[in-house]
N, C-alpha and C. Protein backbone atom coordinates (compact mmCIF):
# COMPACT_ATOMS: atom_id res chain seq x y z
N MET A 1 0.77 -1.47 0.30
CA MET A 1 0.05 0.01 -0.12
C MET A 1 0.92 1.36 -0.18
N PRO A 2 2.04 1.27 0.97
CA PRO A 2 3.10 2.43 0.76
C PRO A 2 3.57 2.90 -0.47
N LYS A 3 3.73 1.80 -1.52
CA LYS A 3 4.17 2.32 -2.72
C LYS A 3 2.95 2.37 -3.59
N GLU A 4 1.90 2.51 -3.33
CA GLU A 4 0.84 2.72 -4.00
C GLU A 4 0.51 4.28 -3.63
N ARG A 5 0.35 4.77 -2.53
CA ARG A 5 0.06 5.51 -2.40
C ARG A 5 1.43 6.73 -2.97
N LEU A 6 2.72 6.07 -2.90
CA LEU A 6 3.64 7.22 -3.32
C LEU A 6 3.37 7.23 -4.59
N LYS A 7 2.71 6.50 -5.83
CA LYS A 7 2.72 6.89 -7.23
C LYS A 7 1.61 7.47 -7.45
N GLN A 8 0.32 7.68 -6.28
CA GLN A 8 -0.30 8.47 -6.50
C GLN A 8 0.11 9.96 -6.04
N LEU A 9 1.16 10.29 -5.27
CA LEU A 9 1.63 11.55 -4.97
C LEU A 9 2.29 11.86 -5.93
N ILE A 10 3.47 10.97 -6.72
CA ILE A 10 4.16 11.48 -7.80
C ILE A 10 2.99 11.65 -9.11
N ALA A 11 1.84 10.93 -8.96
CA ALA A 11 1.16 11.64 -10.38
C ALA A 11 0.56 12.93 -9.84
N SER A 12 -0.08 13.07 -8.62
CA SER A 12 -0.53 14.12 -8.43
C SER A 12 0.34 15.75 -8.32
N LEU A 13 1.62 15.03 -8.29
CA LEU A 13 2.96 16.48 -8.43
C LEU A 13 3.20 16.22 -9.98
N HIS A 14 3.22 15.63 -10.73
CA HIS A 14 2.65 15.98 -12.44
C HIS A 14 1.81 16.58 -12.15
N GLU A 15 0.01 16.12 -11.80
CA GLU A 15 -0.63 16.90 -12.48
C GLU A 15 -0.71 18.59 -11.85
N GLU A 16 -0.32 18.56 -10.45
CA GLU A 16 0.07 20.41 -9.83
C GLU A 16 1.11 20.99 -11.14
N LEU A 17 2.08 20.27 -11.37
CA LEU A 17 2.96 20.94 -12.56
C LEU A 17 2.30 21.52 -13.22
N ASP A 18 1.35 20.33 -14.22
CA ASP A 18 0.56 20.96 -15.53
C ASP A 18 -0.49 21.80 -15.03
N ARG A 19 -1.11 22.27 -13.91
CA ARG A 19 -1.55 23.33 -13.43
C ARG A 19 -0.70 24.54 -12.78
N THR A 20 0.34 24.52 -13.24
CA THR A 20 1.50 25.67 -12.91
C THR A 20 2.42 26.23 -13.72
N PRO A 21 1.81 27.24 -14.70
CA PRO A 21 2.23 27.43 -16.28
C PRO A 21 3.29 28.06 -15.38
N GLU A 22 3.62 28.97 -14.70
CA GLU A 22 4.93 29.83 -13.93
C GLU A 22 5.92 29.18 -13.54
N PHE A 23 5.95 27.73 -13.68
CA PHE A 23 6.74 26.93 -12.84
C PHE A 23 7.54 26.96 -14.40
N ASP A 24 9.05 27.09 -14.22
CA ASP A 24 10.10 27.23 -14.73
C ASP A 24 10.10 25.69 -15.25
N ALA A 25 10.92 26.21 -16.84
CA ALA A 25 11.15 24.51 -17.86
C ALA A 25 12.32 23.80 -16.65
N ASP A 26 13.58 24.56 -16.17
CA ASP A 26 14.39 23.94 -15.27
C ASP A 26 13.99 22.98 -14.33
N GLY A 27 13.09 23.42 -13.66
CA GLY A 27 12.44 23.38 -12.50
C GLY A 27 11.20 22.51 -12.60
N ARG A 28 11.12 21.94 -14.07
CA ARG A 28 10.08 20.82 -14.42
C ARG A 28 10.68 19.69 -14.75
N GLU A 29 11.88 20.12 -15.45
CA GLU A 29 12.95 18.79 -15.28
C GLU A 29 13.30 18.34 -14.28
N LEU A 30 13.61 19.28 -13.23
CA LEU A 30 14.62 18.39 -12.36
C LEU A 30 13.52 17.73 -11.37
N LEU A 31 12.23 18.20 -11.40
CA LEU A 31 11.09 17.34 -10.72
C LEU A 31 11.18 16.28 -11.42
N ARG A 32 10.50 16.00 -12.56
CA ARG A 32 10.84 15.10 -13.33
C ARG A 32 11.81 13.65 -12.89
N ASP A 33 13.29 14.51 -13.29
CA ASP A 33 13.98 13.90 -13.31
C ASP A 33 13.99 12.79 -11.55
N LEU A 34 13.97 13.61 -10.75
CA LEU A 34 13.77 13.43 -9.31
C LEU A 34 12.26 12.06 -9.36
N THR A 35 11.60 12.44 -9.79
CA THR A 35 10.63 11.51 -9.38
C THR A 35 10.94 9.68 -10.28
N GLY A 36 11.24 10.36 -11.25
CA GLY A 36 11.80 9.16 -12.15
C GLY A 36 12.92 8.50 -11.42
N ASP A 37 13.46 8.65 -10.66
CA ASP A 37 14.65 8.85 -9.66
C ASP A 37 13.84 7.55 -8.63
N ILE A 38 13.14 8.22 -7.79
CA ILE A 38 12.39 7.90 -6.86
C ILE A 38 11.42 6.15 -7.30
N GLU A 39 10.81 6.47 -8.26
CA GLU A 39 10.29 5.20 -8.96
C GLU A 39 11.25 3.96 -9.31
N ALA A 40 12.16 4.62 -9.53
CA ALA A 40 13.43 3.61 -9.97
C ALA A 40 13.84 2.65 -8.58
N ILE A 41 13.91 3.55 -7.44
CA ILE A 41 14.71 3.29 -6.21
C ILE A 41 13.56 2.51 -5.65
N VAL A 42 12.45 2.84 -5.92
CA VAL A 42 10.98 2.00 -4.95
C VAL A 42 10.75 0.38 -6.12
N GLY A 43 11.13 0.93 -7.54
CA GLY A 43 10.84 -0.78 -8.12
C GLY A 43 11.89 -1.54 -7.66
N ARG A 44 13.02 -1.54 -6.90
CA ARG A 44 13.94 -2.23 -6.55
C ARG A 44 13.39 -3.31 -5.20
N GLU A 45 14.11 -4.20 -5.38
CA GLU A 45 14.12 -4.71 -3.93
C GLU A 45 14.79 -4.65 -3.12
N ASP A 46 16.07 -4.57 -3.40
CA ASP A 46 17.26 -4.68 -2.18
C ASP A 46 17.72 -2.72 -2.76
N ILE A 47 17.50 -1.77 -2.30
CA ILE A 47 17.54 -0.63 -2.23
C ILE A 47 19.04 -0.45 -0.99
N PRO A 48 20.53 0.06 -1.89
CA PRO A 48 21.13 0.76 -1.31
C PRO A 48 20.74 1.61 -0.04
N ALA A 49 21.40 1.54 0.53
CA ALA A 49 21.16 3.08 1.90
C ALA A 49 21.43 3.90 1.44
N GLU A 50 22.84 3.99 0.52
CA GLU A 50 22.95 5.32 -0.29
C GLU A 50 22.28 5.92 -1.45
N SER A 51 21.39 5.32 -1.76
CA SER A 51 20.37 5.80 -3.02
C SER A 51 19.05 5.91 -2.38
N ARG A 52 18.97 5.56 -0.95
CA ARG A 52 17.73 5.67 0.11
C ARG A 52 18.01 7.11 0.22
N ASP A 53 19.13 7.48 1.19
CA ASP A 53 19.54 8.57 1.84
C ASP A 53 19.66 9.85 0.61
N THR A 54 20.03 9.39 -0.29
CA THR A 54 20.43 10.74 -1.76
C THR A 54 19.15 11.03 -2.22
N ALA A 55 18.06 9.74 -2.28
CA ALA A 55 16.74 10.36 -2.67
C ALA A 55 16.06 11.23 -2.03
N THR A 56 15.94 10.78 -0.71
CA THR A 56 15.44 11.17 0.60
C THR A 56 16.00 13.04 0.51
N GLN A 57 17.20 13.18 0.95
CA GLN A 57 18.01 14.07 0.76
C GLN A 57 17.39 14.90 -0.48
N ARG A 58 17.53 15.00 -1.88
CA ARG A 58 17.43 15.15 -3.15
C ARG A 58 15.67 16.02 -2.69
N VAL A 59 14.48 15.20 -2.67
CA VAL A 59 13.43 15.67 -2.10
C VAL A 59 13.25 16.81 -1.24
N GLU A 60 13.97 16.48 0.14
CA GLU A 60 13.74 17.64 1.27
C GLU A 60 14.24 18.93 0.32
N THR A 61 15.64 19.22 -0.42
CA THR A 61 16.07 20.05 -0.78
C THR A 61 14.94 20.58 -1.43
N VAL A 62 14.66 19.67 -2.89
CA VAL A 62 13.60 20.82 -3.48
C VAL A 62 12.46 21.48 -2.94
N ALA A 63 12.05 20.36 -1.59
CA ALA A 63 10.46 21.40 -1.53
C ALA A 63 10.97 22.59 -0.62
N VAL A 64 11.91 22.48 0.01
CA VAL A 64 12.61 23.93 0.50
C VAL A 64 12.54 24.60 0.11
N ARG A 65 13.00 24.83 -1.43
CA ARG A 65 13.31 25.77 -2.46
C ARG A 65 11.88 25.92 -2.78
N LEU A 66 10.71 25.36 -3.04
CA LEU A 66 9.78 25.54 -3.65
C LEU A 66 8.90 25.72 -2.37
N GLU A 67 8.88 25.67 -1.20
CA GLU A 67 8.05 26.11 0.21
C GLU A 67 7.71 28.06 -0.12
N ALA A 68 7.91 28.47 -0.62
CA ALA A 68 7.96 30.00 -0.54
C ALA A 68 6.78 30.15 -1.94
N GLU A 69 7.55 29.91 -2.98
CA GLU A 69 6.66 29.98 -4.25
C GLU A 69 5.81 29.42 -4.74
N HIS A 70 5.84 27.89 -4.47
CA HIS A 70 4.98 27.12 -4.87
C HIS A 70 4.62 26.11 -3.75
N PRO A 71 3.74 26.25 -2.53
CA PRO A 71 3.52 25.50 -1.61
C PRO A 71 2.92 24.53 -2.27
N ARG A 72 2.02 24.34 -2.90
CA ARG A 72 1.57 23.08 -3.07
C ARG A 72 2.01 21.97 -3.84
N LEU A 73 3.45 22.40 -4.58
CA LEU A 73 4.14 21.73 -5.40
C LEU A 73 4.78 21.03 -3.90
N ALA A 74 5.17 21.77 -2.82
CA ALA A 74 6.24 21.81 -1.65
C ALA A 74 5.68 20.31 -0.87
N GLY A 75 4.45 21.18 -0.56
CA GLY A 75 3.53 20.16 0.58
C GLY A 75 3.52 18.82 -0.34
N ILE A 76 3.23 18.64 -1.46
CA ILE A 76 3.01 17.39 -2.26
C ILE A 76 4.60 16.67 -2.19
N LEU A 77 5.75 17.35 -2.43
CA LEU A 77 7.11 16.85 -2.08
C LEU A 77 7.29 16.27 -0.87
N GLY A 78 6.93 17.32 0.47
CA GLY A 78 6.78 16.93 1.42
C GLY A 78 5.97 15.22 2.27
N GLU A 79 5.00 15.27 1.39
CA GLU A 79 4.24 14.03 1.34
C GLU A 79 4.81 12.99 0.77
N ILE A 80 5.46 13.38 -0.29
CA ILE A 80 6.46 12.16 -0.72
C ILE A 80 7.95 12.12 -0.17
N VAL A 81 8.33 12.50 0.93
CA VAL A 81 9.12 12.51 1.74
C VAL A 81 8.73 11.47 2.69
N ALA A 82 7.58 11.42 3.57
CA ALA A 82 7.02 11.03 4.55
C ALA A 82 6.60 9.70 3.94
N ALA A 83 6.13 9.57 2.74
CA ALA A 83 5.65 8.14 1.65
C ALA A 83 7.20 7.58 1.58
N LEU A 84 8.15 8.03 1.56
CA LEU A 84 9.56 7.04 1.23
C LEU A 84 10.11 7.25 2.86
N GLY A 85 9.67 7.63 3.31
CA GLY A 85 10.04 6.72 5.26
C GLY A 85 9.11 5.60 5.28
N ARG A 86 8.08 5.87 5.36
CA ARG A 86 7.12 4.68 5.16
C ARG A 86 7.72 3.19 4.89
N LEU A 87 8.47 3.53 3.47
CA LEU A 87 9.06 2.79 2.53
C LEU A 87 10.58 2.18 3.01
N GLY A 88 10.83 3.01 3.83
CA GLY A 88 12.25 2.54 4.70
C GLY A 88 13.22 3.06 4.13
N ILE A 89 12.85 4.57 3.10
CA ILE A 89 13.61 5.10 2.45
C ILE A 89 14.11 6.10 2.87
C-alpha cells in the first residue's frame, strides 16, 4: 500500500505541475528527473542505503526551495518524503 500511495503522490505532483504554468522549465525537468529516480529506487527490492539517503535528501532540498513560491508543490514533495520514510527509504 505505501508504494501505491507514493505512485499517487507522484501523479499528483505531475498534475500540479501541469496546473502551474509559471513554474520554469528547469524546475520541471528537475522534478521529473527526481520522480523518475524515486520510481526506479522504489521498484527495486534491494535498495542500497546510499540511494535511499540521496533520494530523500534531494526531495527535501527541492521542497524547501519551493516552499515560498509554490507551496502546493512543496506540500506534495513533503508527502513524498513521508511516503518514502514509510517505505524505509
